[in-house]
Amino acid sequence: MDVACLELWWGTLSDEKKKDALKWAAGKVLGCMDTKAWWQSKTVWGVILTVVGMVLAHWHVSFITDDATSTTVDDFAGKVGELAGPALSLYGRLKANTTIGAQAKAA
């Protein structure tokens, strides 16, 4: 992308979109992103879901007492944890626009 094309594109943006673009670029280039609490992170929740699914599958935890149905439900729950957890973690990491850390206190 050449400079003239970039300048033309930049001129089409509203002030709000320019502000968002600059904030995103500063976060990616300079590492100065806003912070959020750990429990607000999709990546963290994806990892938790993955670990819980793995633990339940390893310990053969059953949610239903009927053996025939229990195996199917437990296998399904384990697969959901195995697939949804990493997918949520990846999605959260790709969409991240804030870092996990202490919240800044208002003065």
C-alpha atoms as a PDB file:
ATOM      1  CA  MET A   1       0.000   0.000   0.000  1.00  0.00           C
ATOM      2  CA  ASP A   2       1.547   3.291  -1.038  1.00  0.00           C
ATOM      3  CA  VAL A   3       1.366   6.536   0.933  1.00  0.00           C
ATOM      4  CA  ALA A   4      -1.121   8.240  -1.430  1.00  0.00           C
ATOM      5  CA  CYS A   5      -3.546   5.334  -1.103  1.00  0.00           C
ATOM      6  CA  LEU A   6      -3.179   5.371   2.686  1.00  0.00           C
ATOM      7  CA  GLU A   7      -3.800   9.137   2.820  1.00  0.00           C
ATOM      8  CA  LEU A   8      -6.917   8.743   0.671  1.00  0.00           C
ATOM      9  CA  TRP A   9      -8.225   5.978   2.934  1.00  0.00           C
ATOM     10  CA  TRP A  10      -7.434   7.964   6.101  1.00  0.00           C
ATOM     11  CA  GLY A  11      -9.394  10.941   4.734  1.00  0.00           C
ATOM     12  CA  THR A  12     -12.549   8.808   4.460  1.00  0.00           C
ATOM     13  CA  LEU A  13     -12.573   7.931   8.154  1.00  0.00           C
ATOM     14  CA  SER A  14     -14.611   9.733  10.781  1.00  0.00           C
ATOM     15  CA  ASP A  15     -12.793  11.269  13.751  1.00  0.00           C
ATOM     16  CA  GLU A  16     -14.027   8.431  15.971  1.00  0.00           C
ATOM     17  CA  LYS A  17     -12.684   5.780  13.571  1.00  0.00           C
ATOM     18  CA  LYS A  18      -9.355   7.623  13.345  1.00  0.00           C
ATOM     19  CA  LYS A  19      -9.135   7.666  17.138  1.00  0.00           C
ATOM     20  CA  ASP A  20      -9.879   3.920  17.286  1.00  0.00           C
ATOM     21  CA  ALA A  21      -7.294   3.196  14.567  1.00  0.00           C
ATOM     22  CA  LEU A  22      -4.607   5.207  16.342  1.00  0.00           C
ATOM     23  CA  LYS A  23      -5.393   3.556  19.675  1.00  0.00           C
ATOM     24  CA  TRP A  24      -5.174   0.101  18.073  1.00  0.00           C
ATOM     25  CA  ALA A  25      -1.889   0.947  16.309  1.00  0.00           C
ATOM     26  CA  ALA A  26      -0.357   2.385  19.478  1.00  0.00           C
ATOM     27  CA  GLY A  27      -1.319  -0.760  21.377  1.00  0.00           C
ATOM     28  CA  LYS A  28       0.164  -3.063  18.751  1.00  0.00           C
ATOM     29  CA  VAL A  29       3.325  -1.078  18.051  1.00  0.00           C
ATOM     30  CA  LEU A  30       4.119   0.481  21.412  1.00  0.00           C
ATOM     31  CA  GLY A  31       2.471  -2.041  23.699  1.00  0.00           C
ATOM     32  CA  CYS A  32       0.506   0.689  25.509  1.00  0.00           C
ATOM     33  CA  MET A  33      -2.879  -0.974  25.652  1.00  0.00           C
ATOM     34  CA  ASP A  34      -5.638  -0.556  28.205  1.00  0.00           C
ATOM     35  CA  THR A  35      -5.814  -3.145  30.963  1.00  0.00           C
ATOM     36  CA  LYS A  36      -8.632  -5.373  32.205  1.00  0.00           C
ATOM     37  CA  ALA A  37      -9.178  -7.830  35.042  1.00  0.00           C
ATOM     38  CA  TRP A  38      -8.195 -11.464  34.381  1.00  0.00           C
ATOM     39  CA  TRP A  39     -11.794 -12.691  34.565  1.00  0.00           C
ATOM     40  CA  GLN A  40     -12.752 -10.425  31.644  1.00  0.00           C
ATOM     41  CA  SER A  41     -10.398 -12.290  29.281  1.00  0.00           C
ATOM     42  CA  LYS A  42     -11.822 -14.739  26.720  1.00  0.00           C
ATOM     43  CA  THR A  43      -8.367 -16.285  26.481  1.00  0.00           C
ATOM     44  CA  VAL A  44      -8.287 -17.047  30.211  1.00  0.00           C
ATOM     45  CA  TRP A  45     -11.816 -18.530  30.137  1.00  0.00           C
ATOM     46  CA  GLY A  46     -10.869 -20.669  27.135  1.00  0.00           C
ATOM     47  CA  VAL A  47      -7.890 -22.072  29.033  1.00  0.00           C
ATOM     48  CA  ILE A  48     -10.072 -22.725  32.111  1.00  0.00           C
ATOM     49  CA  LEU A  49     -12.669 -24.526  29.962  1.00  0.00           C
ATOM     50  CA  THR A  50      -9.936 -26.638  28.370  1.00  0.00           C
ATOM     51  CA  VAL A  51      -8.403 -27.620  31.711  1.00  0.00           C
ATOM     52  CA  VAL A  52     -11.789 -28.433  33.275  1.00  0.00           C
ATOM     53  CA  GLY A  53     -12.705 -30.576  30.253  1.00  0.00           C
ATOM     54  CA  MET A  54      -9.381 -32.419  30.467  1.00  0.00           C
ATOM     55  CA  VAL A  55      -9.707 -33.026  34.217  1.00  0.00           C
ATOM     56  CA  LEU A  56     -13.294 -34.279  33.907  1.00  0.00           C
ATOM     57  CA  ALA A  57     -12.313 -36.603  31.068  1.00  0.00           C
ATOM     58  CA  HIS A  58      -9.244 -37.882  32.945  1.00  0.00           C
ATOM     59  CA  TRP A  59     -11.179 -38.626  36.151  1.00  0.00           C
ATOM     60  CA  HIS A  60     -14.173 -40.010  34.229  1.00  0.00           C
ATOM     61  CA  VAL A  61     -16.583 -37.696  36.048  1.00  0.00           C
ATOM     62  CA  SER A  62     -20.166 -38.687  35.238  1.00  0.00           C
ATOM     63  CA  PHE A  63     -23.080 -36.276  35.102  1.00  0.00           C
ATOM     64  CA  ILE A  64     -25.777 -38.958  34.671  1.00  0.00           C
ATOM     65  CA  THR A  65     -26.216 -42.176  36.674  1.00  0.00           C
ATOM     66  CA  ASP A  66     -27.513 -44.322  33.769  1.00  0.00           C
ATOM     67  CA  ASP A  67     -24.375 -46.012  32.377  1.00  0.00           C
ATOM     68  CA  ALA A  68     -25.466 -46.150  28.736  1.00  0.00           C
ATOM     69  CA  THR A  69     -26.480 -42.489  28.582  1.00  0.00           C
ATOM     70  CA  SER A  70     -23.683 -41.391  30.899  1.00  0.00           C
ATOM     71  CA  THR A  71     -20.920 -42.518  28.552  1.00  0.00           C
ATOM     72  CA  THR A  72     -22.404 -40.602  25.619  1.00  0.00           C
ATOM     73  CA  VAL A  73     -23.024 -37.414  27.608  1.00  0.00           C
ATOM     74  CA  ASP A  74     -19.616 -37.538  29.285  1.00  0.00           C
ATOM     75  CA  ASP A  75     -17.830 -38.137  25.978  1.00  0.00           C
ATOM     76  CA  PHE A  76     -19.727 -35.219  24.456  1.00  0.00           C
ATOM     77  CA  ALA A  77     -18.912 -32.941  27.417  1.00  0.00           C
ATOM     78  CA  GLY A  78     -15.239 -33.897  27.156  1.00  0.00           C
ATOM     79  CA  LYS A  79     -15.169 -33.158  23.428  1.00  0.00           C
ATOM     80  CA  VAL A  80     -16.847 -29.789  23.975  1.00  0.00           C
ATOM     81  CA  GLY A  81     -14.126 -28.905  26.483  1.00  0.00           C
ATOM     82  CA  GLU A  82     -11.414 -30.147  24.132  1.00  0.00           C
ATOM     83  CA  LEU A  83     -12.702 -28.150  21.159  1.00  0.00           C
ATOM     84  CA  ALA A  84     -14.465 -25.111  22.595  1.00  0.00           C
ATOM     85  CA  GLY A  85     -11.758 -24.251  25.129  1.00  0.00           C
ATOM     86  CA  PRO A  86      -8.886 -23.872  22.675  1.00  0.00           C
ATOM     87  CA  ALA A  87     -11.195 -22.212  20.124  1.00  0.00           C
ATOM     88  CA  LEU A  88     -12.275 -19.621  22.709  1.00  0.00           C
ATOM     89  CA  SER A  89      -8.650 -19.075  23.734  1.00  0.00           C
ATOM     90  CA  LEU A  90      -7.552 -18.519  20.155  1.00  0.00           C
ATOM     91  CA  TYR A  91     -10.492 -16.208  19.423  1.00  0.00           C
ATOM     92  CA  GLY A  92      -9.811 -14.222  22.595  1.00  0.00           C
ATOM     93  CA  ARG A  93      -6.138 -13.852  21.729  1.00  0.00           C
ATOM     94  CA  LEU A  94      -6.836 -12.723  18.170  1.00  0.00           C
ATOM     95  CA  LYS A  95      -9.499 -10.202  19.223  1.00  0.00           C
ATOM     96  CA  ALA A  96      -7.568  -8.860  22.229  1.00  0.00           C
ATOM     97  CA  ASN A  97      -7.271  -5.089  22.403  1.00  0.00           C
ATOM     98  CA  THR A  98      -6.405  -4.806  26.088  1.00  0.00           C
ATOM     99  CA  THR A  99      -3.844  -6.438  28.348  1.00  0.00           C
ATOM    100  CA  ILE A 100      -4.601  -8.343  31.502  1.00  0.00           C
ATOM    101  CA  GLY A 101      -3.420  -6.439  34.553  1.00  0.00           C
ATOM    102  CA  ALA A 102      -4.313  -4.156  37.397  1.00  0.00           C
ATOM    103  CA  GLN A 103      -7.012  -1.622  36.678  1.00  0.00           C
ATOM    104  CA  ALA A 104      -5.873   1.976  36.733  1.00  0.00           C
ATOM    105  CA  LYS A 105      -7.387   3.832  39.675  1.00  0.00           C
ATOM    106  CA  ALA A 106      -9.345   6.995  39.008  1.00  0.00           C
ATOM    107  CA  ALA A 107      -7.809  10.058  40.598  1.00  0.00           C
END
